[in-house]
Amino acid sequence: MAMRAIRGATSLERDEREHLHARTKELITQILSANELETDAIVSVIFTCTPDISSDFPAAAARELGFGAVPLMCAQEMAVPGSLPLAVRVLMHAELDVPREQIQHVYLHEAVSLRRDLAQ
């Protein structure tokens, strides 16, 4: 098995805890599905949020999906003028037996604009 990094992002319509959790769960679920992963293969996850998100930690939503034993970290994105607001990004480290080129990165909602080259 090789260690691989999977990227992804989503956006929110509003900074509200339930909405943040729903969008984060959607993102994580799609990353797992697209890469045929189980939580046991996840080594760690780093979440970042733009400074306009303060309702909760995205890691709290991941724990609700069964990531309780996975090391999770949240951080704040840089406040770059003109950048996508209300964005949550993820960097998931997983044990996968596929080449890097076959990793499926997932970008949802307005976050598709962040990486049009990788978005579905």
PDB file of N, CA and C in Angstrom:
ATOM      1  N   MET A   1       0.842  -1.186   0.000  1.00  0.00           N
ATOM      2  CA  MET A   1       0.000   0.000   0.000  1.00  0.00           C
ATOM      3  C   MET A   1       0.884   1.245   0.000  1.00  0.00           C
ATOM      4  N   ALA A   2       0.448   2.221  -0.736  1.00  0.00           N
ATOM      5  CA  ALA A   2       1.153   3.499  -0.782  1.00  0.00           C
ATOM      6  C   ALA A   2       0.357   4.542  -0.011  1.00  0.00           C
ATOM      7  N   MET A   3       1.051   5.532   0.504  1.00  0.00           N
ATOM      8  CA  MET A   3       0.389   6.662   1.142  1.00  0.00           C
ATOM      9  C   MET A   3       0.056   7.664   0.056  1.00  0.00           C
ATOM     10  N   ARG A   4      -1.202   8.072  -0.024  1.00  0.00           N
ATOM     11  CA  ARG A   4      -1.653   9.033  -1.024  1.00  0.00           C
ATOM     12  C   ARG A   4      -2.376  10.183  -0.335  1.00  0.00           C
ATOM     13  N   ALA A   5      -2.351  11.336  -0.989  1.00  0.00           N
ATOM     14  CA  ALA A   5      -3.058  12.524  -0.494  1.00  0.00           C
ATOM     15  C   ALA A   5      -4.194  12.837  -1.452  1.00  0.00           C
ATOM     16  N   ILE A   6      -5.361  13.035  -0.894  1.00  0.00           N
ATOM     17  CA  ILE A   6      -6.547  13.325  -1.687  1.00  0.00           C
ATOM     18  C   ILE A   6      -7.031  14.723  -1.307  1.00  0.00           C
ATOM     19  N   ARG A   7      -7.242  15.547  -2.320  1.00  0.00           N
ATOM     20  CA  ARG A   7      -7.700  16.913  -2.076  1.00  0.00           C
ATOM     21  C   ARG A   7      -9.180  17.028  -2.383  1.00  0.00           C
ATOM     22  N   GLY A   8      -9.765  18.047  -1.782  1.00  0.00           N
ATOM     23  CA  GLY A   8     -11.159  18.332  -2.071  1.00  0.00           C
ATOM     24  C   GLY A   8     -11.570  19.644  -1.440  1.00  0.00           C
ATOM     25  N   ALA A   9     -12.722  20.123  -1.858  1.00  0.00           N
ATOM     26  CA  ALA A   9     -13.253  21.364  -1.290  1.00  0.00           C
ATOM     27  C   ALA A   9     -14.743  21.440  -1.561  1.00  0.00           C
ATOM     28  N   THR A  10     -15.398  22.218  -0.746  1.00  0.00           N
ATOM     29  CA  THR A  10     -16.805  22.525  -0.933  1.00  0.00           C
ATOM     30  C   THR A  10     -17.025  23.960  -0.502  1.00  0.00           C
ATOM     31  N   SER A  11     -18.210  24.447  -0.751  1.00  0.00           N
ATOM     32  CA  SER A  11     -18.534  25.806  -0.323  1.00  0.00           C
ATOM     33  C   SER A  11     -19.863  25.782   0.413  1.00  0.00           C
ATOM     34  N   LEU A  12     -20.053  26.793   1.231  1.00  0.00           N
ATOM     35  CA  LEU A  12     -21.289  26.939   1.991  1.00  0.00           C
ATOM     36  C   LEU A  12     -22.105  28.098   1.427  1.00  0.00           C
ATOM     37  N   GLU A  13     -23.379  28.056   1.685  1.00  0.00           N
ATOM     38  CA  GLU A  13     -24.241  29.176   1.336  1.00  0.00           C
ATOM     39  C   GLU A  13     -24.350  30.149   2.503  1.00  0.00           C
ATOM     40  N   ARG A  14     -24.110  29.630   3.716  1.00  0.00           N
ATOM     41  CA  ARG A  14     -24.176  30.440   4.929  1.00  0.00           C
ATOM     42  C   ARG A  14     -23.346  29.750   6.013  1.00  0.00           C
ATOM     43  N   ASP A  15     -22.860  30.530   6.956  1.00  0.00           N
ATOM     44  CA  ASP A  15     -22.082  29.988   8.069  1.00  0.00           C
ATOM     45  C   ASP A  15     -23.032  29.559   9.177  1.00  0.00           C
ATOM     46  N   GLU A  16     -23.454  28.328   9.082  1.00  0.00           N
ATOM     47  CA  GLU A  16     -24.397  27.754  10.043  1.00  0.00           C
ATOM     48  C   GLU A  16     -23.948  26.329  10.331  1.00  0.00           C
ATOM     49  N   ARG A  17     -23.911  25.944  11.588  1.00  0.00           N
ATOM     50  CA  ARG A  17     -23.364  24.655  12.010  1.00  0.00           C
ATOM     51  C   ARG A  17     -23.955  23.479  11.226  1.00  0.00           C
ATOM     52  N   GLU A  18     -25.259  23.382  11.143  1.00  0.00           N
ATOM     53  CA  GLU A  18     -25.894  22.254  10.469  1.00  0.00           C
ATOM     54  C   GLU A  18     -25.535  22.225   8.982  1.00  0.00           C
ATOM     55  N   HIS A  19     -25.479  23.383   8.367  1.00  0.00           N
ATOM     56  CA  HIS A  19     -25.126  23.472   6.948  1.00  0.00           C
ATOM     57  C   HIS A  19     -23.658  23.085   6.738  1.00  0.00           C
ATOM     58  N   LEU A  20     -22.780  23.553   7.604  1.00  0.00           N
ATOM     59  CA  LEU A  20     -21.366  23.184   7.553  1.00  0.00           C
ATOM     60  C   LEU A  20     -21.213  21.669   7.675  1.00  0.00           C
ATOM     61  N   HIS A  21     -21.917  21.071   8.621  1.00  0.00           N
ATOM     62  CA  HIS A  21     -21.823  19.625   8.816  1.00  0.00           C
ATOM     63  C   HIS A  21     -22.342  18.869   7.589  1.00  0.00           C
ATOM     64  N   ALA A  22     -23.457  19.318   7.037  1.00  0.00           N
ATOM     65  CA  ALA A  22     -24.029  18.648   5.866  1.00  0.00           C
ATOM     66  C   ALA A  22     -23.074  18.704   4.673  1.00  0.00           C
ATOM     67  N   ARG A  23     -22.502  19.872   4.411  1.00  0.00           N
ATOM     68  CA  ARG A  23     -21.597  20.016   3.267  1.00  0.00           C
ATOM     69  C   ARG A  23     -20.291  19.252   3.492  1.00  0.00           C
ATOM     70  N   THR A  24     -19.791  19.261   4.724  1.00  0.00           N
ATOM     71  CA  THR A  24     -18.557  18.530   5.025  1.00  0.00           C
ATOM     72  C   THR A  24     -18.776  17.029   4.873  1.00  0.00           C
ATOM     73  N   LYS A  25     -19.892  16.541   5.385  1.00  0.00           N
ATOM     74  CA  LYS A  25     -20.210  15.116   5.248  1.00  0.00           C
ATOM     75  C   LYS A  25     -20.378  14.729   3.783  1.00  0.00           C
ATOM     76  N   GLU A  26     -21.026  15.582   3.016  1.00  0.00           N
ATOM     77  CA  GLU A  26     -21.187  15.325   1.586  1.00  0.00           C
ATOM     78  C   GLU A  26     -19.820  15.204   0.907  1.00  0.00           C
ATOM     79  N   LEU A  27     -18.914  16.117   1.226  1.00  0.00           N
ATOM     80  CA  LEU A  27     -17.576  16.105   0.637  1.00  0.00           C
ATOM     81  C   LEU A  27     -16.819  14.839   1.018  1.00  0.00           C
ATOM     82  N   ILE A  28     -16.806  14.512   2.286  1.00  0.00           N
ATOM     83  CA  ILE A  28     -16.083  13.325   2.751  1.00  0.00           C
ATOM     84  C   ILE A  28     -16.663  12.058   2.131  1.00  0.00           C
ATOM     85  N   THR A  29     -17.974  11.959   2.121  1.00  0.00           N
ATOM     86  CA  THR A  29     -18.639  10.783   1.561  1.00  0.00           C
ATOM     87  C   THR A  29     -18.297  10.617   0.088  1.00  0.00           C
ATOM     88  N   GLN A  30     -18.280  11.711  -0.656  1.00  0.00           N
ATOM     89  CA  GLN A  30     -17.951  11.610  -2.079  1.00  0.00           C
ATOM     90  C   GLN A  30     -16.486  11.258  -2.301  1.00  0.00           C
ATOM     91  N   ILE A  31     -15.589  11.773  -1.452  1.00  0.00           N
ATOM     92  CA  ILE A  31     -14.172  11.402  -1.570  1.00  0.00           C
ATOM     93  C   ILE A  31     -14.000   9.907  -1.318  1.00  0.00           C
ATOM     94  N   LEU A  32     -14.636   9.398  -0.265  1.00  0.00           N
ATOM     95  CA  LEU A  32     -14.541   7.968   0.050  1.00  0.00           C
ATOM     96  C   LEU A  32     -15.095   7.123  -1.094  1.00  0.00           C
ATOM     97  N   SER A  33     -16.244   7.498  -1.590  1.00  0.00           N
ATOM     98  CA  SER A  33     -16.880   6.750  -2.673  1.00  0.00           C
ATOM     99  C   SER A  33     -16.050   6.786  -3.958  1.00  0.00           C
ATOM    100  N   ALA A  34     -15.605   7.969  -4.347  1.00  0.00           N
ATOM    101  CA  ALA A  34     -14.855   8.120  -5.600  1.00  0.00           C
ATOM    102  C   ALA A  34     -13.546   7.342  -5.589  1.00  0.00           C
ATOM    103  N   ASN A  35     -12.982   7.161  -4.396  1.00  0.00           N
ATOM    104  CA  ASN A  35     -11.693   6.472  -4.277  1.00  0.00           C
ATOM    105  C   ASN A  35     -11.820   5.064  -3.693  1.00  0.00           C
ATOM    106  N   GLU A  36     -13.074   4.604  -3.545  1.00  0.00           N
ATOM    107  CA  GLU A  36     -13.349   3.274  -3.008  1.00  0.00           C
ATOM    108  C   GLU A  36     -12.599   3.030  -1.705  1.00  0.00           C
ATOM    109  N   LEU A  37     -12.764   3.969  -0.780  1.00  0.00           N
ATOM    110  CA  LEU A  37     -12.063   3.938   0.507  1.00  0.00           C
ATOM    111  C   LEU A  37     -12.997   3.610   1.660  1.00  0.00           C
ATOM    112  N   GLU A  38     -12.446   2.941   2.658  1.00  0.00           N
ATOM    113  CA  GLU A  38     -13.112   2.750   3.953  1.00  0.00           C
ATOM    114  C   GLU A  38     -12.358   3.615   4.959  1.00  0.00           C
ATOM    115  N   THR A  39     -12.995   3.963   6.057  1.00  0.00           N
ATOM    116  CA  THR A  39     -12.340   4.836   7.040  1.00  0.00           C
ATOM    117  C   THR A  39     -11.068   4.210   7.610  1.00  0.00           C
ATOM    118  N   ASP A  40     -10.963   2.883   7.627  1.00  0.00           N
ATOM    119  CA  ASP A  40      -9.746   2.233   8.145  1.00  0.00           C
ATOM    120  C   ASP A  40      -8.516   2.574   7.312  1.00  0.00           C
ATOM    121  N   ALA A  41      -8.703   2.958   6.050  1.00  0.00           N
ATOM    122  CA  ALA A  41      -7.577   3.300   5.179  1.00  0.00           C
ATOM    123  C   ALA A  41      -7.132   4.756   5.348  1.00  0.00           C
ATOM    124  N   ILE A  42      -7.906   5.550   6.071  1.00  0.00           N
ATOM    125  CA  ILE A  42      -7.591   6.968   6.265  1.00  0.00           C
ATOM    126  C   ILE A  42      -6.568   7.106   7.383  1.00  0.00           C
ATOM    127  N   VAL A  43      -5.473   7.781   7.082  1.00  0.00           N
ATOM    128  CA  VAL A  43      -4.393   7.972   8.051  1.00  0.00           C
ATOM    129  C   VAL A  43      -4.616   9.259   8.844  1.00  0.00           C
ATOM    130  N   SER A  44      -4.946  10.347   8.150  1.00  0.00           N
ATOM    131  CA  SER A  44      -5.203  11.633   8.810  1.00  0.00           C
ATOM    132  C   SER A  44      -5.924  12.553   7.833  1.00  0.00           C
ATOM    133  N   VAL A  45      -6.535  13.598   8.396  1.00  0.00           N
ATOM    134  CA  VAL A  45      -7.259  14.562   7.574  1.00  0.00           C
ATOM    135  C   VAL A  45      -6.997  15.970   8.105  1.00  0.00           C
ATOM    136  N   ILE A  46      -6.668  16.869   7.192  1.00  0.00           N
ATOM    137  CA  ILE A  46      -6.516  18.283   7.525  1.00  0.00           C
ATOM    138  C   ILE A  46      -7.631  19.046   6.818  1.00  0.00           C
ATOM    139  N   PHE A  47      -8.390  19.809   7.588  1.00  0.00           N
ATOM    140  CA  PHE A  47      -9.430  20.672   7.052  1.00  0.00           C
ATOM    141  C   PHE A  47      -8.983  22.119   7.183  1.00  0.00           C
ATOM    142  N   THR A  48      -9.298  22.933   6.203  1.00  0.00           N
ATOM    143  CA  THR A  48      -9.133  24.372   6.355  1.00  0.00           C
ATOM    144  C   THR A  48     -10.448  25.037   5.993  1.00  0.00           C
ATOM    145  N   CYS A  49     -10.685  26.176   6.615  1.00  0.00           N
ATOM    146  CA  CYS A  49     -11.877  26.980   6.339  1.00  0.00           C
ATOM    147  C   CYS A  49     -11.447  28.412   6.088  1.00  0.00           C
ATOM    148  N   THR A  50     -12.193  29.094   5.249  1.00  0.00           N
ATOM    149  CA  THR A  50     -11.947  30.517   5.066  1.00  0.00           C
ATOM    150  C   THR A  50     -12.326  31.239   6.358  1.00  0.00           C
ATOM    151  N   PRO A  51     -11.760  32.427   6.587  1.00  0.00           N
ATOM    152  CA  PRO A  51     -11.976  33.130   7.856  1.00  0.00           C
ATOM    153  C   PRO A  51     -13.434  33.478   8.158  1.00  0.00           C
ATOM    154  N   ASP A  52     -14.312  33.413   7.166  1.00  0.00           N
ATOM    155  CA  ASP A  52     -15.720  33.749   7.395  1.00  0.00           C
ATOM    156  C   ASP A  52     -16.536  32.567   7.922  1.00  0.00           C
ATOM    157  N   ILE A  53     -15.888  31.440   8.203  1.00  0.00           N
ATOM    158  CA  ILE A  53     -16.569  30.285   8.798  1.00  0.00           C
ATOM    159  C   ILE A  53     -16.125  30.152  10.253  1.00  0.00           C
ATOM    160  N   SER A  54     -17.094  30.250  11.157  1.00  0.00           N
ATOM    161  CA  SER A  54     -16.780  30.138  12.585  1.00  0.00           C
ATOM    162  C   SER A  54     -17.856  29.384  13.361  1.00  0.00           C
ATOM    163  N   SER A  55     -18.819  28.799  12.667  1.00  0.00           N
ATOM    164  CA  SER A  55     -19.938  28.137  13.352  1.00  0.00           C
ATOM    165  C   SER A  55     -19.546  26.817  14.009  1.00  0.00           C
ATOM    166  N   ASP A  56     -18.531  26.147  13.487  1.00  0.00           N
ATOM    167  CA  ASP A  56     -18.063  24.890  14.065  1.00  0.00           C
ATOM    168  C   ASP A  56     -16.829  24.426  13.292  1.00  0.00           C
ATOM    169  N   PHE A  57     -16.264  23.323  13.741  1.00  0.00           N
ATOM    170  CA  PHE A  57     -15.116  22.712  13.082  1.00  0.00           C
ATOM    171  C   PHE A  57     -15.605  21.654  12.101  1.00  0.00           C
ATOM    172  N   PRO A  58     -15.067  21.613  10.883  1.00  0.00           N
ATOM    173  CA  PRO A  58     -15.439  20.547   9.958  1.00  0.00           C
ATOM    174  C   PRO A  58     -15.100  19.157  10.519  1.00  0.00           C
ATOM    175  N   ALA A  59     -14.088  19.073  11.350  1.00  0.00           N
ATOM    176  CA  ALA A  59     -13.719  17.787  11.950  1.00  0.00           C
ATOM    177  C   ALA A  59     -14.857  17.207  12.782  1.00  0.00           C
ATOM    178  N   ALA A  60     -15.686  18.052  13.363  1.00  0.00           N
ATOM    179  CA  ALA A  60     -16.827  17.559  14.140  1.00  0.00           C
ATOM    180  C   ALA A  60     -17.778  16.764  13.243  1.00  0.00           C
ATOM    181  N   ALA A  61     -17.967  17.218  12.015  1.00  0.00           N
ATOM    182  CA  ALA A  61     -18.815  16.492  11.063  1.00  0.00           C
ATOM    183  C   ALA A  61     -18.167  15.167  10.677  1.00  0.00           C
ATOM    184  N   ALA A  62     -16.854  15.165  10.510  1.00  0.00           N
ATOM    185  CA  ALA A  62     -16.147  13.930  10.157  1.00  0.00           C
ATOM    186  C   ALA A  62     -16.285  12.899  11.276  1.00  0.00           C
ATOM    187  N   ARG A  63     -16.221  13.348  12.507  1.00  0.00           N
ATOM    188  CA  ARG A  63     -16.382  12.420  13.634  1.00  0.00           C
ATOM    189  C   ARG A  63     -17.760  11.764  13.598  1.00  0.00           C
ATOM    190  N   GLU A  64     -18.768  12.524  13.194  1.00  0.00           N
ATOM    191  CA  GLU A  64     -20.126  11.975  13.089  1.00  0.00           C
ATOM    192  C   GLU A  64     -20.216  10.897  12.006  1.00  0.00           C
ATOM    193  N   LEU A  65     -19.280  10.895  11.070  1.00  0.00           N
ATOM    194  CA  LEU A  65     -19.241   9.879  10.009  1.00  0.00           C
ATOM    195  C   LEU A  65     -18.381   8.674  10.378  1.00  0.00           C
ATOM    196  N   GLY A  66     -17.878   8.632  11.619  1.00  0.00           N
ATOM    197  CA  GLY A  66     -17.082   7.488  12.041  1.00  0.00           C
ATOM    198  C   GLY A  66     -15.583   7.701  11.987  1.00  0.00           C
ATOM    199  N   PHE A  67     -15.139   8.952  11.936  1.00  0.00           N
ATOM    200  CA  PHE A  67     -13.716   9.266  11.898  1.00  0.00           C
ATOM    201  C   PHE A  67     -13.137   9.502  13.298  1.00  0.00           C
ATOM    202  N   GLY A  68     -13.768   8.959  14.324  1.00  0.00           N
ATOM    203  CA  GLY A  68     -13.332   9.192  15.701  1.00  0.00           C
ATOM    204  C   GLY A  68     -11.909   8.757  15.992  1.00  0.00           C
ATOM    205  N   ALA A  69     -11.433   7.694  15.337  1.00  0.00           N
ATOM    206  CA  ALA A  69     -10.071   7.194  15.582  1.00  0.00           C
ATOM    207  C   ALA A  69      -9.052   7.775  14.602  1.00  0.00           C
ATOM    208  N   VAL A  70      -9.502   8.601  13.673  1.00  0.00           N
ATOM    209  CA  VAL A  70      -8.613   9.196  12.670  1.00  0.00           C
ATOM    210  C   VAL A  70      -8.124  10.555  13.181  1.00  0.00           C
ATOM    211  N   PRO A  71      -6.818  10.817  13.158  1.00  0.00           N
ATOM    212  CA  PRO A  71      -6.338  12.146  13.545  1.00  0.00           C
ATOM    213  C   PRO A  71      -6.883  13.209  12.577  1.00  0.00           C
ATOM    214  N   LEU A  72      -7.532  14.213  13.146  1.00  0.00           N
ATOM    215  CA  LEU A  72      -8.138  15.290  12.372  1.00  0.00           C
ATOM    216  C   LEU A  72      -7.595  16.624  12.852  1.00  0.00           C
ATOM    217  N   MET A  73      -7.415  17.557  11.930  1.00  0.00           N
ATOM    218  CA  MET A  73      -6.938  18.892  12.297  1.00  0.00           C
ATOM    219  C   MET A  73      -7.685  19.928  11.474  1.00  0.00           C
ATOM    220  N   CYS A  74      -8.006  21.040  12.114  1.00  0.00           N
ATOM    221  CA  CYS A  74      -8.642  22.158  11.412  1.00  0.00           C
ATOM    222  C   CYS A  74      -7.735  23.375  11.495  1.00  0.00           C
ATOM    223  N   ALA A  75      -7.731  24.155  10.421  1.00  0.00           N
ATOM    224  CA  ALA A  75      -6.936  25.379  10.369  1.00  0.00           C
ATOM    225  C   ALA A  75      -7.699  26.412   9.549  1.00  0.00           C
ATOM    226  N   GLN A  76      -7.233  27.638   9.638  1.00  0.00           N
ATOM    227  CA  GLN A  76      -7.872  28.712   8.884  1.00  0.00           C
ATOM    228  C   GLN A  76      -7.061  29.036   7.637  1.00  0.00           C
ATOM    229  N   GLU A  77      -7.771  29.218   6.528  1.00  0.00           N
ATOM    230  CA  GLU A  77      -7.150  29.616   5.265  1.00  0.00           C
ATOM    231  C   GLU A  77      -6.671  31.066   5.353  1.00  0.00           C
ATOM    232  N   MET A  78      -5.778  31.421   4.488  1.00  0.00           N
ATOM    233  CA  MET A  78      -5.334  32.813   4.364  1.00  0.00           C
ATOM    234  C   MET A  78      -6.494  33.656   3.841  1.00  0.00           C
ATOM    235  N   ALA A  79      -6.575  34.885   4.295  1.00  0.00           N
ATOM    236  CA  ALA A  79      -7.619  35.811   3.851  1.00  0.00           C
ATOM    237  C   ALA A  79      -7.122  36.564   2.613  1.00  0.00           C
ATOM    238  N   VAL A  80      -7.158  35.923   1.469  1.00  0.00           N
ATOM    239  CA  VAL A  80      -6.672  36.504   0.220  1.00  0.00           C
ATOM    240  C   VAL A  80      -7.823  37.257  -0.449  1.00  0.00           C
ATOM    241  N   PRO A  81      -7.635  38.543  -0.749  1.00  0.00           N
ATOM    242  CA  PRO A  81      -8.703  39.305  -1.407  1.00  0.00           C
ATOM    243  C   PRO A  81      -9.152  38.635  -2.710  1.00  0.00           C
ATOM    244  N   GLY A  82     -10.463  38.548  -2.888  1.00  0.00           N
ATOM    245  CA  GLY A  82     -11.016  37.967  -4.095  1.00  0.00           C
ATOM    246  C   GLY A  82     -11.125  36.451  -4.089  1.00  0.00           C
ATOM    247  N   SER A  83     -10.687  35.798  -3.019  1.00  0.00           N
ATOM    248  CA  SER A  83     -10.773  34.336  -2.971  1.00  0.00           C
ATOM    249  C   SER A  83     -12.207  33.896  -2.672  1.00  0.00           C
ATOM    250  N   LEU A  84     -12.492  32.628  -2.941  1.00  0.00           N
ATOM    251  CA  LEU A  84     -13.818  32.069  -2.732  1.00  0.00           C
ATOM    252  C   LEU A  84     -14.201  32.154  -1.258  1.00  0.00           C
ATOM    253  N   PRO A  85     -15.338  32.796  -0.942  1.00  0.00           N
ATOM    254  CA  PRO A  85     -15.771  32.865   0.456  1.00  0.00           C
ATOM    255  C   PRO A  85     -16.442  31.567   0.893  1.00  0.00           C
ATOM    256  N   LEU A  86     -16.579  31.405   2.183  1.00  0.00           N
ATOM    257  CA  LEU A  86     -17.294  30.275   2.782  1.00  0.00           C
ATOM    258  C   LEU A  86     -16.855  28.932   2.192  1.00  0.00           C
ATOM    259  N   ALA A  87     -15.547  28.728   2.149  1.00  0.00           N
ATOM    260  CA  ALA A  87     -14.993  27.503   1.560  1.00  0.00           C
ATOM    261  C   ALA A  87     -14.363  26.613   2.624  1.00  0.00           C
ATOM    262  N   VAL A  88     -14.570  25.326   2.456  1.00  0.00           N
ATOM    263  CA  VAL A  88     -13.949  24.301   3.293  1.00  0.00           C
ATOM    264  C   VAL A  88     -13.096  23.441   2.370  1.00  0.00           C
ATOM    265  N   ARG A  89     -11.827  23.290   2.728  1.00  0.00           N
ATOM    266  CA  ARG A  89     -10.924  22.446   1.947  1.00  0.00           C
ATOM    267  C   ARG A  89     -10.497  21.264   2.802  1.00  0.00           C
ATOM    268  N   VAL A  90     -10.115  20.189   2.127  1.00  0.00           N
ATOM    269  CA  VAL A  90      -9.678  18.997   2.843  1.00  0.00           C
ATOM    270  C   VAL A  90      -8.440  18.428   2.161  1.00  0.00           C
ATOM    271  N   LEU A  91      -7.534  17.918   2.965  1.00  0.00           N
ATOM    272  CA  LEU A  91      -6.386  17.148   2.499  1.00  0.00           C
ATOM    273  C   LEU A  91      -6.414  15.858   3.308  1.00  0.00           C
ATOM    274  N   MET A  92      -6.794  14.768   2.637  1.00  0.00           N
ATOM    275  CA  MET A  92      -6.968  13.471   3.289  1.00  0.00           C
ATOM    276  C   MET A  92      -5.799  12.572   2.907  1.00  0.00           C
ATOM    277  N   HIS A  93      -5.135  12.009   3.902  1.00  0.00           N
ATOM    278  CA  HIS A  93      -4.033  11.078   3.679  1.00  0.00           C
ATOM    279  C   HIS A  93      -4.571   9.662   3.871  1.00  0.00           C
ATOM    280  N   ALA A  94      -4.334   8.816   2.865  1.00  0.00           N
ATOM    281  CA  ALA A  94      -4.904   7.471   2.913  1.00  0.00           C
ATOM    282  C   ALA A  94      -3.940   6.451   2.342  1.00  0.00           C
ATOM    283  N   GLU A  95      -4.113   5.222   2.784  1.00  0.00           N
ATOM    284  CA  GLU A  95      -3.362   4.107   2.232  1.00  0.00           C
ATOM    285  C   GLU A  95      -4.165   3.577   1.049  1.00  0.00           C
ATOM    286  N   LEU A  96      -3.579   3.728  -0.136  1.00  0.00           N
ATOM    287  CA  LEU A  96      -4.255   3.332  -1.371  1.00  0.00           C
ATOM    288  C   LEU A  96      -3.273   2.593  -2.266  1.00  0.00           C
ATOM    289  N   ASP A  97      -3.776   1.621  -2.960  1.00  0.00           N
ATOM    290  CA  ASP A  97      -2.933   0.858  -3.859  1.00  0.00           C
ATOM    291  C   ASP A  97      -3.216   1.254  -5.309  1.00  0.00           C
ATOM    292  N   VAL A  98      -3.158   2.564  -5.578  1.00  0.00           N
ATOM    293  CA  VAL A  98      -3.362   3.069  -6.937  1.00  0.00           C
ATOM    294  C   VAL A  98      -2.317   4.143  -7.228  1.00  0.00           C
ATOM    295  N   PRO A  99      -1.969   4.334  -8.488  1.00  0.00           N
ATOM    296  CA  PRO A  99      -1.032   5.407  -8.835  1.00  0.00           C
ATOM    297  C   PRO A  99      -1.626   6.779  -8.526  1.00  0.00           C
ATOM    298  N   ARG A 100      -0.765   7.742  -8.282  1.00  0.00           N
ATOM    299  CA  ARG A 100      -1.219   9.109  -7.978  1.00  0.00           C
ATOM    300  C   ARG A 100      -2.184   9.647  -9.021  1.00  0.00           C
ATOM    301  N   GLU A 101      -1.917   9.326 -10.276  1.00  0.00           N
ATOM    302  CA  GLU A 101      -2.736   9.855 -11.363  1.00  0.00           C
ATOM    303  C   GLU A 101      -4.180   9.356 -11.303  1.00  0.00           C
ATOM    304  N   GLN A 102      -4.422   8.298 -10.560  1.00  0.00           N
ATOM    305  CA  GLN A 102      -5.771   7.734 -10.485  1.00  0.00           C
ATOM    306  C   GLN A 102      -6.544   8.198  -9.251  1.00  0.00           C
ATOM    307  N   ILE A 103      -5.924   9.014  -8.426  1.00  0.00           N
ATOM    308  CA  ILE A 103      -6.624   9.559  -7.260  1.00  0.00           C
ATOM    309  C   ILE A 103      -7.744  10.465  -7.753  1.00  0.00           C
ATOM    310  N   GLN A 104      -8.902  10.338  -7.140  1.00  0.00           N
ATOM    311  CA  GLN A 104     -10.061  11.154  -7.501  1.00  0.00           C
ATOM    312  C   GLN A 104     -10.224  12.273  -6.470  1.00  0.00           C
ATOM    313  N   HIS A 105      -9.867  13.480  -6.860  1.00  0.00           N
ATOM    314  CA  HIS A 105     -10.047  14.655  -6.017  1.00  0.00           C
ATOM    315  C   HIS A 105     -11.470  15.164  -6.236  1.00  0.00           C
ATOM    316  N   VAL A 106     -12.089  15.698  -5.191  1.00  0.00           N
ATOM    317  CA  VAL A 106     -13.507  16.056  -5.266  1.00  0.00           C
ATOM    318  C   VAL A 106     -13.703  17.528  -4.912  1.00  0.00           C
ATOM    319  N   TYR A 107     -14.313  18.263  -5.821  1.00  0.00           N
ATOM    320  CA  TYR A 107     -14.640  19.678  -5.623  1.00  0.00           C
ATOM    321  C   TYR A 107     -16.129  19.860  -5.880  1.00  0.00           C
ATOM    322  N   LEU A 108     -16.830  20.400  -4.893  1.00  0.00           N
ATOM    323  CA  LEU A 108     -18.284  20.508  -4.954  1.00  0.00           C
ATOM    324  C   LEU A 108     -18.768  21.949  -4.883  1.00  0.00           C
ATOM    325  N   HIS A 109     -19.951  22.163  -5.404  1.00  0.00           N
ATOM    326  CA  HIS A 109     -20.635  23.451  -5.348  1.00  0.00           C
ATOM    327  C   HIS A 109     -19.753  24.546  -5.950  1.00  0.00           C
ATOM    328  N   GLU A 110     -19.668  25.701  -5.347  1.00  0.00           N
ATOM    329  CA  GLU A 110     -18.865  26.796  -5.892  1.00  0.00           C
ATOM    330  C   GLU A 110     -17.368  26.498  -5.845  1.00  0.00           C
ATOM    331  N   ALA A 111     -16.972  25.517  -5.050  1.00  0.00           N
ATOM    332  CA  ALA A 111     -15.552  25.162  -4.944  1.00  0.00           C
ATOM    333  C   ALA A 111     -15.019  24.520  -6.223  1.00  0.00           C
ATOM    334  N   VAL A 112     -15.888  24.143  -7.143  1.00  0.00           N
ATOM    335  CA  VAL A 112     -15.438  23.631  -8.441  1.00  0.00           C
ATOM    336  C   VAL A 112     -14.516  24.657  -9.099  1.00  0.00           C
ATOM    337  N   SER A 113     -14.769  25.928  -8.849  1.00  0.00           N
ATOM    338  CA  SER A 113     -13.956  26.992  -9.454  1.00  0.00           C
ATOM    339  C   SER A 113     -12.514  26.996  -8.961  1.00  0.00           C
ATOM    340  N   LEU A 114     -12.234  26.341  -7.846  1.00  0.00           N
ATOM    341  CA  LEU A 114     -10.880  26.313  -7.301  1.00  0.00           C
ATOM    342  C   LEU A 114      -9.944  25.461  -8.146  1.00  0.00           C
ATOM    343  N   ARG A 115     -10.450  24.369  -8.677  1.00  0.00           N
ATOM    344  CA  ARG A 115      -9.621  23.452  -9.469  1.00  0.00           C
ATOM    345  C   ARG A 115     -10.444  22.852 -10.584  1.00  0.00           C
ATOM    346  N   ARG A 116     -10.723  23.658 -11.577  1.00  0.00           N
ATOM    347  CA  ARG A 116     -11.507  23.162 -12.706  1.00  0.00           C
ATOM    348  C   ARG A 116     -10.809  21.993 -13.389  1.00  0.00           C
ATOM    349  N   ASP A 117      -9.489  21.920 -13.278  1.00  0.00           N
ATOM    350  CA  ASP A 117      -8.744  20.827 -13.905  1.00  0.00           C
ATOM    351  C   ASP A 117      -8.965  19.498 -13.180  1.00  0.00           C
ATOM    352  N   LEU A 118      -9.372  19.553 -11.913  1.00  0.00           N
ATOM    353  CA  LEU A 118      -9.567  18.316 -11.134  1.00  0.00           C
ATOM    354  C   LEU A 118     -11.038  18.019 -10.856  1.00  0.00           C
ATOM    355  N   ALA A 119     -11.896  19.016 -10.944  1.00  0.00           N
ATOM    356  CA  ALA A 119     -13.302  18.830 -10.591  1.00  0.00           C
ATOM    357  C   ALA A 119     -13.974  17.870 -11.568  1.00  0.00           C
ATOM    358  N   GLN A 120     -14.956  17.179 -11.059  1.00  0.00           N
ATOM    359  CA  GLN A 120     -15.665  16.172 -11.844  1.00  0.00           C
ATOM    360  C   GLN A 120     -16.460  16.849 -12.952  1.00  0.00           C
TER     361      GLN A 120
END
